[in-house]
Protein backbone atom coordinates (compact mmCIF):
# COMPACT_ATOMS: atom_id res chain seq x y z
CA MET A 1 192.15 -62.13 -39.87
CA LYS A 2 192.04 -60.96 -43.47
CA SER A 3 189.61 -58.19 -44.25
CA GLY A 4 189.87 -58.43 -48.02
CA LEU A 5 188.21 -55.02 -48.26
CA LYS A 6 190.75 -53.35 -50.54
CA ASN A 7 189.08 -52.24 -53.78
CA LYS A 8 185.70 -53.66 -52.76
CA ASN A 9 182.79 -51.43 -53.80
CA VAL A 10 180.77 -50.54 -50.70
CA LEU A 11 177.40 -48.78 -50.86
CA ILE A 12 176.27 -47.07 -47.64
CA THR A 13 172.86 -45.45 -47.29
CA GLY A 14 172.15 -42.65 -44.83
CA ALA A 15 175.84 -41.80 -44.70
CA SER A 16 176.02 -38.02 -44.29
CA LYS A 17 176.45 -37.96 -40.51
CA ASN A 18 176.64 -39.89 -37.25
CA ILE A 19 176.72 -43.69 -37.65
CA GLY A 20 176.73 -43.69 -41.45
CA LYS A 21 179.56 -41.18 -41.57
CA ALA A 22 181.65 -43.24 -39.15
CA ILE A 23 181.07 -46.38 -41.22
CA ALA A 24 181.99 -44.62 -44.47
CA ILE A 25 185.25 -43.22 -43.11
CA SER A 26 186.24 -46.54 -41.53
CA LEU A 27 185.72 -48.42 -44.77
CA ALA A 28 187.61 -45.77 -46.75
CA GLN A 29 190.48 -46.31 -44.32
CA LYS A 30 190.37 -49.99 -45.31
CA ASN A 31 190.98 -48.88 -48.93
CA SER A 32 187.52 -49.83 -50.11
CA ASN A 33 185.76 -47.87 -52.84
CA VAL A 34 183.00 -46.21 -50.81
CA ILE A 35 179.75 -44.94 -52.30
CA ILE A 36 177.60 -42.88 -49.94
CA CYS A 37 174.13 -41.44 -50.34
CA ALA A 38 171.85 -39.22 -48.28
CA ARG A 39 169.65 -36.17 -48.72
CA ASN A 40 172.05 -33.52 -47.43
CA ASN A 41 174.49 -32.73 -50.22
CA THR A 42 176.52 -30.31 -48.07
CA GLU A 43 177.16 -32.92 -45.39
CA LEU A 44 177.83 -35.62 -47.99
CA LYS A 45 180.56 -33.47 -49.54
CA LYS A 46 182.20 -33.11 -46.12
CA VAL A 47 182.27 -36.88 -45.69
CA LEU A 48 183.54 -37.36 -49.24
CA LYS A 49 186.37 -34.90 -48.57
CA ILE A 50 187.50 -36.99 -45.59
CA MET A 51 187.21 -40.25 -47.53
CA ASN A 52 189.30 -38.85 -50.37
CA LYS A 53 192.27 -38.70 -48.01
CA TYR A 54 192.47 -42.46 -48.43
CA SER A 55 193.08 -44.52 -51.54
CA GLY A 56 190.11 -45.75 -53.50
CA SER A 57 187.47 -44.36 -55.82
CA HIS A 58 184.79 -42.71 -53.70
CA HIS A 59 181.43 -41.28 -54.72
CA ALA A 60 178.60 -39.34 -53.05
CA PHE A 61 175.05 -39.21 -54.39
CA ALA A 62 172.65 -36.66 -52.92
CA LEU A 63 169.13 -38.08 -53.16
CA ASP A 64 166.11 -38.87 -51.02
CA LEU A 65 165.54 -42.61 -50.75
CA GLU A 66 162.17 -41.98 -49.09
CA ASP A 67 160.96 -40.49 -52.36
CA PRO A 68 159.15 -43.29 -54.24
CA LYS A 69 161.61 -42.86 -57.11
CA GLY A 70 164.64 -42.45 -54.84
CA PRO A 71 165.90 -46.06 -54.98
CA LEU A 72 165.59 -46.06 -58.78
CA ARG A 73 167.63 -42.85 -58.95
CA LEU A 74 170.31 -44.43 -56.80
CA LEU A 75 170.42 -47.53 -58.99
CA LYS A 76 170.67 -45.36 -62.11
CA ASN A 77 173.57 -43.39 -60.59
CA LEU A 78 175.37 -46.64 -59.87
CA LYS A 79 174.78 -47.90 -63.40
CA ASP A 80 175.82 -44.61 -65.01
CA ASN A 81 179.07 -44.66 -63.04
CA LYS A 82 179.61 -48.37 -63.78
CA ILE A 83 179.60 -49.27 -60.09
CA ALA A 84 178.56 -52.76 -59.02
CA PRO A 85 178.52 -52.91 -55.19
CA ASP A 86 180.16 -55.89 -53.57
CA ILE A 87 178.88 -54.79 -50.18
CA ILE A 88 175.79 -52.89 -49.05
CA VAL A 89 175.39 -51.30 -45.62
CA HIS A 90 171.82 -50.21 -44.96
CA ASN A 91 172.04 -47.41 -42.42
CA LEU A 92 168.73 -45.78 -43.36
CA GLY A 93 166.07 -46.01 -40.66
CA GLY A 94 164.25 -44.33 -37.83
CA SER A 95 160.87 -43.73 -36.24
CA ARG A 96 159.81 -40.82 -38.50
CA GLN A 97 158.60 -39.35 -35.21
CA VAL A 98 155.53 -41.56 -35.19
CA THR A 99 155.26 -41.54 -31.41
CA ASP A 100 151.50 -41.71 -30.82
CA ASN A 101 150.21 -45.21 -30.05
CA ASN A 102 147.07 -44.33 -32.00
CA PHE A 103 149.01 -44.37 -35.25
CA SER A 104 147.41 -44.75 -38.65
CA ARG A 105 147.98 -47.47 -41.21
CA LYS A 106 149.76 -44.88 -43.36
CA ASP A 107 152.11 -44.03 -40.47
CA LEU A 108 152.89 -47.71 -39.98
CA LEU A 109 153.58 -48.24 -43.68
CA ASN A 110 155.84 -45.18 -43.82
CA VAL A 111 157.95 -46.42 -40.91
CA TRP A 112 158.15 -49.91 -42.38
CA GLN A 113 159.16 -48.48 -45.75
CA LEU A 114 161.96 -46.46 -44.18
CA ASN A 115 163.35 -49.35 -42.14
CA LEU A 116 162.74 -52.30 -44.46
CA GLY A 117 161.02 -51.53 -47.76
CA ILE A 118 163.72 -49.29 -49.24
CA ALA A 119 166.48 -51.71 -48.27
CA HIS A 120 164.61 -54.63 -49.81
CA GLU A 121 164.09 -52.70 -53.06
CA ILE A 122 167.84 -52.01 -53.27
CA ASN A 123 168.75 -55.59 -52.33
CA LYS A 124 166.36 -57.00 -54.93
CA GLU A 125 168.15 -55.15 -57.71
CA LEU A 126 171.77 -55.46 -56.52
CA SER A 127 171.97 -58.91 -54.92
CA PRO A 128 171.76 -60.75 -58.29
CA GLN A 129 175.05 -59.07 -59.26
CA MET A 130 176.61 -60.44 -56.08
CA ILE A 131 175.15 -63.87 -56.77
CA ASN A 132 176.69 -63.85 -60.22
CA LYS A 133 180.10 -63.06 -58.69
CA ASN A 134 179.55 -65.67 -55.97
CA TRP A 135 180.51 -63.11 -53.32
CA GLY A 136 178.76 -60.33 -51.44
CA ARG A 137 177.99 -58.84 -48.05
CA ILE A 138 174.75 -57.11 -47.03
CA ILE A 139 174.47 -55.57 -43.57
CA HIS A 140 171.36 -54.06 -42.03
CA ILE A 141 171.14 -51.96 -38.89
CA SER A 142 168.37 -53.07 -36.58
CA SER A 143 167.90 -52.02 -32.95
CA LEU A 144 167.88 -53.31 -29.39
CA ALA A 145 164.20 -52.29 -29.47
CA ALA A 146 163.38 -55.34 -31.63
CA LYS A 147 164.43 -57.59 -28.74
CA THR A 148 163.10 -55.60 -25.79
CA ALA A 149 159.89 -54.43 -27.55
CA LYS A 150 160.36 -51.09 -25.80
CA GLY A 151 159.89 -47.98 -27.90
CA TYR A 152 157.52 -46.54 -30.45
CA ILE A 153 155.32 -49.35 -31.75
CA PRO A 154 155.73 -48.76 -35.52
CA TYR A 155 159.51 -48.55 -35.10
CA VAL A 156 159.71 -51.68 -32.94
CA SER A 157 157.49 -53.62 -35.36
CA ALA A 158 159.52 -52.46 -38.38
CA LYS A 159 162.84 -53.48 -36.83
CA SER A 160 161.34 -56.82 -35.79
CA ALA A 161 160.22 -57.39 -39.38
CA LEU A 162 163.70 -56.41 -40.59
CA GLU A 163 165.29 -59.08 -38.41
CA GLY A 164 162.90 -61.71 -39.75
CA TYR A 165 163.73 -60.60 -43.28
CA VAL A 166 167.47 -60.92 -42.62
CA ARG A 167 167.16 -64.41 -41.13
CA SER A 168 164.92 -65.66 -43.95
CA MET A 169 166.61 -63.97 -46.89
CA SER A 170 170.05 -65.04 -45.74
CA LYS A 171 169.06 -68.69 -46.19
CA GLN A 172 168.67 -68.04 -49.91
CA LEU A 173 171.62 -65.71 -50.43
CA SER A 174 174.17 -67.72 -48.46
CA GLN A 175 173.94 -70.54 -50.99
CA LYS A 176 175.84 -68.23 -53.35
CA ASN A 177 178.28 -66.86 -50.75
CA VAL A 178 176.27 -63.64 -50.34
CA ILE A 179 176.20 -63.15 -46.59
CA MET A 180 173.44 -61.04 -45.07
CA ASN A 181 173.56 -60.04 -41.40
CA ALA A 182 172.28 -57.33 -39.09
CA ILE A 183 173.54 -55.56 -36.02
CA ALA A 184 171.30 -54.40 -33.19
CA PRO A 185 172.78 -51.35 -31.43
CA GLY A 186 171.66 -50.22 -28.02
CA LEU A 187 171.87 -46.65 -26.74
CA VAL A 188 174.04 -44.64 -29.14
CA ASP A 189 175.74 -41.37 -28.17
CA LEU A 190 174.49 -39.00 -30.89
CA PRO A 191 174.20 -35.21 -30.94
CA GLY A 192 170.74 -33.91 -30.13
CA ARG A 193 169.41 -37.22 -28.83
CA TYR A 194 167.51 -37.39 -25.56
CA TYR A 195 169.99 -39.42 -23.51
CA THR A 196 173.00 -37.63 -24.95
CA SER A 197 171.56 -34.30 -23.83
CA MET A 198 171.16 -35.72 -20.32
CA LYS A 199 174.94 -35.69 -19.91
CA THR A 200 174.75 -31.92 -19.44
CA LYS A 201 171.06 -31.26 -18.67
CA ASN A 202 170.40 -33.97 -16.10
CA PRO A 203 173.43 -36.14 -15.29
CA GLN A 204 171.73 -37.52 -12.17
CA MET A 205 168.88 -38.95 -14.26
CA LEU A 206 171.40 -40.44 -16.68
CA GLU A 207 173.22 -42.11 -13.81
CA LYS A 208 169.90 -43.52 -12.60
CA PHE A 209 169.27 -44.92 -16.07
CA TYR A 210 172.68 -46.57 -16.03
CA ASP A 211 171.95 -48.04 -12.60
CA GLU A 212 168.71 -49.59 -13.80
CA HIS A 213 169.47 -50.53 -17.42
CA LEU A 214 173.10 -50.22 -18.49
CA PRO A 215 175.78 -51.52 -16.11
CA ILE A 216 178.53 -50.67 -18.59
CA ARG A 217 177.65 -47.04 -17.68
CA ARG A 218 178.20 -45.38 -21.02
CA MET A 219 176.62 -45.01 -24.43
CA LEU A 220 177.76 -46.68 -27.62
CA LYS A 221 180.03 -44.63 -29.90
CA PRO A 222 179.44 -44.56 -33.68
CA ASN A 223 183.03 -45.62 -34.33
CA GLU A 224 182.41 -48.81 -32.32
CA ILE A 225 179.51 -49.63 -34.64
CA ALA A 226 181.76 -48.86 -37.62
CA ASP A 227 184.38 -51.32 -36.37
CA LEU A 228 181.80 -54.10 -36.18
CA ILE A 229 180.43 -53.24 -39.62
CA CYS A 230 183.94 -53.44 -41.12
CA TYR A 231 184.30 -56.93 -39.70
CA LEU A 232 180.93 -57.98 -41.13
CA CYS A 233 182.04 -56.74 -44.55
CA SER A 234 185.10 -58.95 -44.51
CA HIS A 235 185.93 -62.45 -45.75
CA ASP A 236 186.00 -63.69 -42.16
CA VAL A 237 182.20 -63.85 -41.80
CA SER A 238 181.57 -66.42 -44.53
CA TYR A 239 179.86 -68.74 -42.00
CA MET A 240 177.78 -66.10 -40.17
CA ALA A 241 174.76 -65.93 -42.47
CA GLY A 242 171.60 -64.54 -40.91
CA ALA A 243 173.15 -63.38 -37.65
CA ILE A 244 171.55 -60.59 -35.61
CA ILE A 245 174.46 -59.28 -33.59
CA PRO A 246 173.76 -57.21 -30.47
CA ILE A 247 176.09 -54.31 -29.68
CA ASP A 248 174.30 -52.91 -26.69
CA GLY A 249 176.64 -52.99 -23.71
CA GLY A 250 174.65 -55.82 -22.15
CA GLY A 251 171.43 -53.83 -22.33
CA SER A 252 169.54 -56.82 -23.74
């Protein structure tokens, strides 16, 4: 396999910690030029310090993409620094803690914006540059919840819409060798998350969950997601347009 990632400009959103951080470091290790953004400037600087151990020109932009003007600020930073991304990894997403089934229209729109709207706004502005170069990779992070329909309703509906967007949009982009895909992680081992805390607070309940739902008997590690993302950024996926790739330990 040939990754072809050396000197590629890679933009990663939501990259200050956890999955985004793992993706950023892995791509820096591939000698890509990695551009990360998130709200927490302190954490971004920590990631940038690690990335700078590897060759490449790396940047970190502290901004809030949920702010209505956030995507425009990101695009301006890219333009001011003369950066044209070859690859975009959309790691921004989440439930925004909209957990009540009696959610409002505003709640639904906010969750959709976080998981799909912001990414589309960025893609709309940056994908034409990829089309002009006849090469690009765009990767979205969906969720096992889109397949199982288990979880908070606004989040499940947003991820389901995201997967439809990826499948449809990829039909247009792939004509110009711009390959858009998504991955759908299952249960990820992240600090502070409910199931992660069970390892110490209630290991018996965690074992019961494994018995009933996850025969592989462990949670997904962020670095395993990063490995898959690196592959999807490479030249080797030129015929994988519109794929929704599960990485869920057989949970689906």
